[in-house]
PDB file of N, CA and C in Angstrom:
ATOM      1  N   MET A   1    -111.111 129.014 -29.348  1.00  0.00           N
ATOM      2  CA  MET A   1    -111.697 128.142 -30.359  1.00  0.00           C
ATOM      3  C   MET A   1    -110.797 128.047 -31.601  1.00  0.00           C
ATOM      4  N   ASP A   2    -110.228 129.172 -31.983  1.00  0.00           N
ATOM      5  CA  ASP A   2    -109.337 129.162 -33.141  1.00  0.00           C
ATOM      6  C   ASP A   2    -108.103 128.301 -32.882  1.00  0.00           C
ATOM      7  N   LEU A   3    -107.613 128.325 -31.643  1.00  0.00           N
ATOM      8  CA  LEU A   3    -106.451 127.510 -31.299  1.00  0.00           C
ATOM      9  C   LEU A   3    -106.776 126.027 -31.421  1.00  0.00           C
ATOM     10  N   LEU A   4    -107.962 125.654 -30.980  1.00  0.00           N
ATOM     11  CA  LEU A   4    -108.371 124.248 -31.055  1.00  0.00           C
ATOM     12  C   LEU A   4    -108.472 123.788 -32.510  1.00  0.00           C
ATOM     13  N   ILE A   5    -109.035 124.614 -33.372  1.00  0.00           N
ATOM     14  CA  ILE A   5    -109.144 124.270 -34.794  1.00  0.00           C
ATOM     15  C   ILE A   5    -107.757 124.171 -35.422  1.00  0.00           C
ATOM     16  N   SER A   6    -106.867 125.068 -35.039  1.00  0.00           N
ATOM     17  CA  SER A   6    -105.505 125.023 -35.565  1.00  0.00           C
ATOM     18  C   SER A   6    -104.789 123.758 -35.129  1.00  0.00           C
ATOM     19  N   LEU A   7    -104.960 123.379 -33.870  1.00  0.00           N
ATOM     20  CA  LEU A   7    -104.319 122.159 -33.378  1.00  0.00           C
ATOM     21  C   LEU A   7    -104.885 120.912 -34.060  1.00  0.00           C
ATOM     22  N   LEU A   8    -106.197 120.903 -34.290  1.00  0.00           N
ATOM     23  CA  LEU A   8    -106.788 119.764 -34.985  1.00  0.00           C
ATOM     24  C   LEU A   8    -106.299 119.686 -36.433  1.00  0.00           C
ATOM     25  N   GLY A   9    -106.150 120.818 -37.078  1.00  0.00           N
ATOM     26  CA  GLY A   9    -105.624 120.838 -38.436  1.00  0.00           C
ATOM     27  C   GLY A   9    -104.185 120.345 -38.482  1.00  0.00           C
ATOM     28  N   LEU A  10    -103.385 120.780 -37.523  1.00  0.00           N
ATOM     29  CA  LEU A  10    -101.993 120.331 -37.455  1.00  0.00           C
ATOM     30  C   LEU A  10    -101.918 118.834 -37.176  1.00  0.00           C
ATOM     31  N   LEU A  11    -102.766 118.349 -36.299  1.00  0.00           N
ATOM     32  CA  LEU A  11    -102.804 116.912 -36.017  1.00  0.00           C
ATOM     33  C   LEU A  11    -103.210 116.129 -37.260  1.00  0.00           C
ATOM     34  N   GLY A  12    -104.160 116.667 -38.011  1.00  0.00           N
ATOM     35  CA  GLY A  12    -104.574 116.016 -39.257  1.00  0.00           C
ATOM     36  C   GLY A  12    -103.439 115.949 -40.258  1.00  0.00           C
ATOM     37  N   LEU A  13    -102.672 117.021 -40.390  1.00  0.00           N
ATOM     38  CA  LEU A  13    -101.534 117.024 -41.314  1.00  0.00           C
ATOM     39  C   LEU A  13    -100.471 116.013 -40.891  1.00  0.00           C
ATOM     40  N   ILE A  14    -100.233 115.918 -39.596  1.00  0.00           N
ATOM     41  CA  ILE A  14     -99.254 114.952 -39.089  1.00  0.00           C
ATOM     42  C   ILE A  14     -99.717 113.530 -39.382  1.00  0.00           C
ATOM     43  N   CYS A  15    -101.016 113.260 -39.193  1.00  0.00           N
ATOM     44  CA  CYS A  15    -101.544 111.922 -39.466  1.00  0.00           C
ATOM     45  C   CYS A  15    -101.416 111.582 -40.945  1.00  0.00           C
ATOM     46  N   ILE A  16    -101.703 112.538 -41.818  1.00  0.00           N
ATOM     47  CA  ILE A  16    -101.587 112.291 -43.259  1.00  0.00           C
ATOM     48  C   ILE A  16    -100.128 112.011 -43.625  1.00  0.00           C
ATOM     49  N   ALA A  17     -99.203 112.757 -43.039  1.00  0.00           N
ATOM     50  CA  ALA A  17     -97.785 112.534 -43.332  1.00  0.00           C
ATOM     51  C   ALA A  17     -97.348 111.149 -42.862  1.00  0.00           C
ATOM     52  N   LEU A  18     -97.784 110.733 -41.681  1.00  0.00           N
ATOM     53  CA  LEU A  18     -97.422 109.407 -41.181  1.00  0.00           C
ATOM     54  C   LEU A  18     -98.023 108.297 -42.036  1.00  0.00           C
ATOM     55  N   LEU A  19     -99.249 108.502 -42.511  1.00  0.00           N
ATOM     56  CA  LEU A  19     -99.852 107.513 -43.398  1.00  0.00           C
ATOM     57  C   LEU A  19     -99.074 107.408 -44.710  1.00  0.00           C
ATOM     58  N   GLY A  20     -98.605 108.531 -45.221  1.00  0.00           N
ATOM     59  CA  GLY A  20     -97.811 108.513 -46.443  1.00  0.00           C
ATOM     60  C   GLY A  20     -96.505 107.776 -46.254  1.00  0.00           C
ATOM     61  N   ILE A  21     -95.849 107.982 -45.123  1.00  0.00           N
ATOM     62  CA  ILE A  21     -94.588 107.289 -44.836  1.00  0.00           C
ATOM     63  C   ILE A  21     -94.831 105.785 -44.709  1.00  0.00           C
ATOM     64  N   ALA A  22     -95.899 105.412 -44.015  1.00  0.00           N
ATOM     65  CA  ALA A  22     -96.205 103.991 -43.844  1.00  0.00           C
ATOM     66  C   ALA A  22     -96.547 103.346 -45.185  1.00  0.00           C
ATOM     67  N   ALA A  23     -97.300 104.039 -46.013  1.00  0.00           N
ATOM     68  CA  ALA A  23     -97.680 103.481 -47.317  1.00  0.00           C
ATOM     69  C   ALA A  23     -96.456 103.317 -48.216  1.00  0.00           C
ATOM     70  N   SER A  24     -95.555 104.275 -48.198  1.00  0.00           N
ATOM     71  CA  SER A  24     -94.371 104.155 -49.047  1.00  0.00           C
ATOM     72  C   SER A  24     -93.476 103.011 -48.563  1.00  0.00           C
ATOM     73  N   GLY A  25     -93.372 102.821 -47.268  1.00  0.00           N
ATOM     74  CA  GLY A  25     -92.608 101.695 -46.732  1.00  0.00           C
ATOM     75  C   GLY A  25     -93.235 100.364 -47.093  1.00  0.00           C
ATOM     76  N   TYR A  26     -94.567 100.295 -47.040  1.00  0.00           N
ATOM     77  CA  TYR A  26     -95.262  99.065 -47.405  1.00  0.00           C
ATOM     78  C   TYR A  26     -95.044  98.742 -48.877  1.00  0.00           C
ATOM     79  N   LEU A  27     -95.161  99.749 -49.735  1.00  0.00           N
ATOM     80  CA  LEU A  27     -94.965  99.519 -51.167  1.00  0.00           C
ATOM     81  C   LEU A  27     -93.524  99.103 -51.474  1.00  0.00           C
ATOM     82  N   ALA A  28     -92.562  99.703 -50.789  1.00  0.00           N
ATOM     83  CA  ALA A  28     -91.164  99.334 -51.008  1.00  0.00           C
ATOM     84  C   ALA A  28     -90.920  97.895 -50.570  1.00  0.00           C
ATOM     85  N   ALA A  29     -91.488  97.491 -49.450  1.00  0.00           N
ATOM     86  CA  ALA A  29     -91.316  96.117 -48.970  1.00  0.00           C
ATOM     87  C   ALA A  29     -91.974  95.133 -49.929  1.00  0.00           C
ATOM     88  N   ARG A  30     -93.133  95.493 -50.452  1.00  0.00           N
ATOM     89  CA  ARG A  30     -93.812  94.610 -51.398  1.00  0.00           C
ATOM     90  C   ARG A  30     -93.009  94.465 -52.690  1.00  0.00           C
ATOM     91  N   ARG A  31     -92.416  95.575 -53.141  1.00  0.00           N
ATOM     92  CA  ARG A  31     -91.594  95.537 -54.354  1.00  0.00           C
ATOM     93  C   ARG A  31     -90.365  94.638 -54.143  1.00  0.00           C
ATOM     94  N   MET A  32     -89.753  94.741 -52.967  1.00  0.00           N
ATOM     95  CA  MET A  32     -88.578  93.914 -52.676  1.00  0.00           C
ATOM     96  C   MET A  32     -88.960  92.439 -52.604  1.00  0.00           C
ATOM     97  N   ARG A  33     -90.105  92.145 -52.003  1.00  0.00           N
ATOM     98  CA  ARG A  33     -90.546  90.758 -51.884  1.00  0.00           C
ATOM     99  C   ARG A  33     -90.868  90.176 -53.261  1.00  0.00           C
ATOM    100  N   GLU A  34     -91.483  90.958 -54.143  1.00  0.00           N
ATOM    101  CA  GLU A  34     -91.788  90.473 -55.482  1.00  0.00           C
ATOM    102  C   GLU A  34     -90.513  90.253 -56.292  1.00  0.00           C
ATOM    103  N   ALA A  35     -89.493  91.050 -56.051  1.00  0.00           N
ATOM    104  CA  ALA A  35     -88.243  90.900 -56.789  1.00  0.00           C
ATOM    105  C   ALA A  35     -87.508  89.631 -56.361  1.00  0.00           C
ATOM    106  N   GLN A  36     -87.718  89.174 -55.136  1.00  0.00           N
ATOM    107  CA  GLN A  36     -87.028  87.984 -54.649  1.00  0.00           C
ATOM    108  C   GLN A  36     -87.721  86.698 -55.080  1.00  0.00           C
ATOM    109  N   GLU A  37     -89.029  86.755 -55.373  1.00  0.00           N
ATOM    110  CA  GLU A  37     -89.757  85.553 -55.762  1.00  0.00           C
ATOM    111  C   GLU A  37     -89.424  85.194 -57.208  1.00  0.00           C
ATOM    112  N   PRO A  38     -89.333  83.915 -57.497  1.00  0.00           N
ATOM    113  CA  PRO A  38     -89.113  83.522 -58.901  1.00  0.00           C
ATOM    114  C   PRO A  38     -90.343  83.834 -59.733  1.00  0.00           C
ATOM    115  N   GLU A  39     -90.116  84.117 -61.002  1.00  0.00           N
ATOM    116  CA  GLU A  39     -91.233  84.437 -61.880  1.00  0.00           C
ATOM    117  C   GLU A  39     -92.049  83.172 -62.148  1.00  0.00           C
ATOM    118  N   PRO A  40     -93.387  83.270 -62.089  1.00  0.00           N
ATOM    119  CA  PRO A  40     -94.212  82.087 -62.367  1.00  0.00           C
ATOM    120  C   PRO A  40     -94.112  81.708 -63.837  1.00  0.00           C
ATOM    121  N   SER A  41     -94.193  80.417 -64.099  1.00  0.00           N
ATOM    122  CA  SER A  41     -94.075  79.964 -65.485  1.00  0.00           C
ATOM    123  C   SER A  41     -95.344  80.338 -66.245  1.00  0.00           C
ATOM    124  N   THR A  42     -95.182  80.671 -67.500  1.00  0.00           N
ATOM    125  CA  THR A  42     -96.325  81.070 -68.316  1.00  0.00           C
ATOM    126  C   THR A  42     -96.838  79.925 -69.166  1.00  0.00           C
ATOM    127  N   ASP A  43     -96.175  78.767 -69.101  1.00  0.00           N
ATOM    128  CA  ASP A  43     -96.603  77.619 -69.895  1.00  0.00           C
ATOM    129  C   ASP A  43     -97.804  76.954 -69.207  1.00  0.00           C
ATOM    130  N   PRO A  44     -98.961  76.893 -69.861  1.00  0.00           N
ATOM    131  CA  PRO A  44    -100.152  76.331 -69.187  1.00  0.00           C
ATOM    132  C   PRO A  44    -100.015  74.850 -68.884  1.00  0.00           C
ATOM    133  N   THR A  45     -99.233  74.107 -69.662  1.00  0.00           N
ATOM    134  CA  THR A  45     -99.090  72.671 -69.365  1.00  0.00           C
ATOM    135  C   THR A  45     -98.294  72.461 -68.085  1.00  0.00           C
ATOM    136  N   GLU A  46     -97.298  73.305 -67.836  1.00  0.00           N
ATOM    137  CA  GLU A  46     -96.535  73.185 -66.582  1.00  0.00           C
ATOM    138  C   GLU A  46     -97.427  73.508 -65.387  1.00  0.00           C
ATOM    139  N   ARG A  47     -98.284  74.493 -65.542  1.00  0.00           N
ATOM    140  CA  ARG A  47     -99.159  74.866 -64.432  1.00  0.00           C
ATOM    141  C   ARG A  47    -100.147  73.760 -64.131  1.00  0.00           C
ATOM    142  N   ASN A  48    -100.638  73.072 -65.162  1.00  0.00           N
ATOM    143  CA  ASN A  48    -101.595  71.996 -64.931  1.00  0.00           C
ATOM    144  C   ASN A  48    -100.942  70.798 -64.256  1.00  0.00           C
ATOM    145  N   GLN A  49     -99.688  70.527 -64.556  1.00  0.00           N
ATOM    146  CA  GLN A  49     -98.991  69.393 -63.960  1.00  0.00           C
ATOM    147  C   GLN A  49     -98.683  69.650 -62.493  1.00  0.00           C
ATOM    148  N   GLU A  50     -98.461  70.906 -62.120  1.00  0.00           N
ATOM    149  CA  GLU A  50     -98.136  71.215 -60.721  1.00  0.00           C
ATOM    150  C   GLU A  50     -99.341  71.055 -59.805  1.00  0.00           C
ATOM    151  N   SER A  51    -100.547  71.312 -60.308  1.00  0.00           N
ATOM    152  CA  SER A  51    -101.725  71.260 -59.440  1.00  0.00           C
ATOM    153  C   SER A  51    -102.306  69.868 -59.309  1.00  0.00           C
TER     154      SER A  51
END
């Protein structure tokens, strides 16, 4: 029984580590995508003319 609990704990730690790696990759990709997009204009008259 102790072995089973230990294995489940180890599996849980591995899952948490993989989730952390995936989240950091997602955040890095989002940061790169935002850096490539042009900044939106802050002038409200320009925004009204575009829509």
